């Protein structure tokens, strides 16, 4: 519904994410698919013809925009084996890529999770506290990599 009001189509959203990846200093990934995507993006040295780049990439990858980056899983292959988990970045999914432009999203998520940890400690929800701390650690690792500019 929001996309209707801001006149944004899925294709426009995908193109803006891919353009952001092309323009990024570094792309961060944790798997084979992500590394292949990174190479494809590096090979597309120019954003002058984004439509051709999008056509080439969409033949190989799913390109699904997420609040923290892109999911490259092509759902034509079937259901993602990671569906039902919190997020791609939390499970070190090889189909997940991100860049430094998503750093504020990661830092905000850490802040939200830290507040959740504090609430869990007050209410004695030890299992939930442990899960949140685990997720914070994963996010902090990503933030560390982005800030280091690996």
Protein backbone atom coordinates (compact mmCIF):
# COMPACT_ATOMS: atom_id res chain seq x y z
CA UNK A 1 0.00 0.00 0.00
CA UNK A 2 2.82 2.41 0.84
CA UNK A 3 4.42 1.84 -2.56
CA UNK A 4 1.12 2.93 -4.15
CA UNK A 5 1.23 6.28 -2.35
CA UNK A 6 4.87 7.01 -3.09
CA UNK A 7 4.50 5.88 -6.72
CA UNK A 8 7.21 3.26 -6.29
CA UNK A 9 7.15 -0.01 -8.18
CA UNK A 10 9.03 -3.14 -7.25
CA UNK A 11 11.22 -2.71 -10.31
CA UNK A 12 12.11 0.86 -9.28
CA UNK A 13 12.97 -0.37 -5.80
CA UNK A 14 15.14 -3.17 -7.16
CA UNK A 15 16.89 -0.76 -9.52
CA UNK A 16 17.63 1.71 -6.73
CA UNK A 17 19.06 -1.09 -4.56
CA UNK A 18 21.23 -2.40 -7.42
CA UNK A 19 22.38 1.13 -8.27
CA UNK A 20 23.29 1.60 -4.60
CA UNK A 21 25.31 -1.61 -4.72
CA UNK A 22 27.09 -0.47 -7.89
CA UNK A 23 27.93 2.90 -6.33
CA UNK A 24 28.99 1.42 -2.96
CA UNK A 25 32.63 1.37 -1.97
CA UNK A 26 32.29 -2.17 -0.65
CA UNK A 27 29.72 -4.93 -0.79
CA UNK A 28 29.54 -7.30 2.18
CA UNK A 29 28.48 -10.89 1.80
CA UNK A 30 28.91 -14.22 3.52
CA UNK A 31 28.61 -16.80 0.81
CA UNK A 32 29.24 -18.04 -2.70
CA UNK A 33 26.17 -16.42 -4.31
CA UNK A 34 27.00 -13.11 -2.69
CA UNK A 35 30.59 -13.28 -3.94
CA UNK A 36 29.38 -14.00 -7.48
CA UNK A 37 26.97 -11.05 -7.22
CA UNK A 38 29.80 -8.86 -5.97
CA UNK A 39 31.90 -9.85 -9.00
CA UNK A 40 28.96 -9.13 -11.33
CA UNK A 41 28.49 -5.69 -9.76
CA UNK A 42 32.22 -4.96 -10.05
CA UNK A 43 32.05 -5.95 -13.72
CA UNK A 44 29.24 -3.41 -14.23
CA UNK A 45 31.60 -0.45 -13.88
CA UNK A 46 29.05 2.04 -15.11
CA UNK A 47 25.51 2.81 -14.11
CA UNK A 48 24.83 4.53 -17.45
CA UNK A 49 22.58 1.71 -18.59
CA UNK A 50 21.04 0.36 -15.42
CA UNK A 51 18.34 -1.50 -17.38
CA UNK A 52 20.95 -3.73 -19.07
CA UNK A 53 22.67 -4.36 -15.74
CA UNK A 54 19.30 -5.24 -14.18
CA UNK A 55 18.45 -7.58 -17.06
CA UNK A 56 21.78 -9.38 -16.73
CA UNK A 57 21.54 -9.67 -12.94
CA UNK A 58 17.89 -10.75 -12.92
CA UNK A 59 18.78 -13.71 -15.16
CA UNK A 60 21.00 -15.08 -12.41
CA UNK A 61 19.67 -13.65 -9.11
CA UNK A 62 16.33 -13.06 -7.45
CA UNK A 63 17.17 -9.49 -6.23
CA UNK A 64 14.71 -9.06 -3.36
CA UNK A 65 15.08 -5.74 -1.46
CA UNK A 66 15.26 -6.01 2.33
CA UNK A 67 15.60 -3.35 5.05
CA UNK A 68 19.24 -4.41 5.56
CA UNK A 69 20.37 -5.19 2.00
CA UNK A 70 19.44 -7.58 -0.79
CA UNK A 71 18.36 -11.21 -0.84
CA UNK A 72 19.68 -12.84 -4.02
CA UNK A 73 17.63 -16.01 -3.66
CA UNK A 74 15.68 -16.75 -6.83
CA UNK A 75 12.27 -17.91 -5.67
CA UNK A 76 11.71 -19.57 -9.06
CA UNK A 77 13.93 -22.32 -7.60
CA UNK A 78 11.34 -22.93 -4.89
CA UNK A 79 10.95 -21.80 -1.33
CA UNK A 80 13.95 -20.32 0.42
CA UNK A 81 15.34 -22.86 2.89
CA UNK A 82 15.71 -20.00 5.39
CA UNK A 83 12.08 -18.85 5.39
CA UNK A 84 10.69 -18.52 8.85
CA UNK A 85 13.92 -17.30 10.42
CA UNK A 86 14.28 -13.73 11.60
CA UNK A 87 16.39 -12.35 8.77
CA UNK A 88 18.98 -13.36 6.21
CA UNK A 89 21.72 -11.42 7.96
CA UNK A 90 21.06 -13.19 11.25
CA UNK A 91 21.79 -16.65 9.88
CA UNK A 92 24.78 -15.74 7.72
CA UNK A 93 22.84 -16.53 4.56
CA UNK A 94 25.04 -16.79 1.47
CA UNK A 95 22.34 -15.12 -0.63
CA UNK A 96 22.42 -11.93 1.45
CA UNK A 97 24.44 -8.85 0.43
CA UNK A 98 24.66 -5.42 1.98
CA UNK A 99 26.79 -2.27 1.90
CA UNK A 100 27.69 0.71 4.07
CA UNK A 101 24.48 2.58 3.20
CA UNK A 102 22.59 0.12 5.42
CA UNK A 103 24.81 0.82 8.44
CA UNK A 104 22.20 3.07 10.15
CA UNK A 105 19.60 0.29 9.82
CA UNK A 106 21.93 -2.21 11.50
CA UNK A 107 22.82 0.24 14.28
CA UNK A 108 19.14 1.02 14.88
CA UNK A 109 18.33 -2.68 15.06
CA UNK A 110 21.08 -3.17 17.65
CA UNK A 111 19.57 -0.35 19.71
CA UNK A 112 16.10 -1.89 19.51
CA UNK A 113 17.45 -5.30 20.50
CA UNK A 114 19.41 -3.81 23.40
CA UNK A 115 16.19 -2.25 24.71
CA UNK A 116 14.56 -5.67 24.36
CA UNK A 117 17.40 -7.24 26.36
CA UNK A 118 16.88 -4.67 29.12
CA UNK A 119 13.14 -5.43 29.24
CA UNK A 120 13.81 -9.17 29.32
CA UNK A 121 16.23 -8.73 32.21
CA UNK A 122 13.64 -6.77 34.17
CA UNK A 123 10.91 -9.32 33.56
CA UNK A 124 13.07 -12.43 33.98
CA UNK A 125 12.65 -13.70 30.41
CA UNK A 126 16.06 -15.36 30.22
CA UNK A 127 15.50 -17.33 27.01
CA UNK A 128 14.33 -14.23 25.11
CA UNK A 129 17.25 -12.27 26.56
CA UNK A 130 19.70 -14.90 25.32
CA UNK A 131 18.18 -14.87 21.81
CA UNK A 132 18.35 -11.07 21.63
CA UNK A 133 21.98 -11.05 22.79
CA UNK A 134 22.83 -13.65 20.14
CA UNK A 135 21.23 -11.45 17.45
CA UNK A 136 23.02 -8.36 18.76
CA UNK A 137 26.33 -10.18 18.44
CA UNK A 138 25.58 -11.12 14.81
CA UNK A 139 24.61 -7.53 13.99
CA UNK A 140 27.69 -6.15 15.73
CA UNK A 141 29.87 -8.42 13.57
CA UNK A 142 28.28 -7.00 10.42
CA UNK A 143 28.64 -3.41 11.70
CA UNK A 144 32.29 -4.12 12.54
CA UNK A 145 32.94 -5.43 9.01
CA UNK A 146 31.23 -2.44 7.42
CA UNK A 147 33.14 0.06 9.55
CA UNK A 148 36.44 -1.71 8.86
CA UNK A 149 35.63 -1.60 5.13
CA UNK A 150 36.84 -5.14 4.47
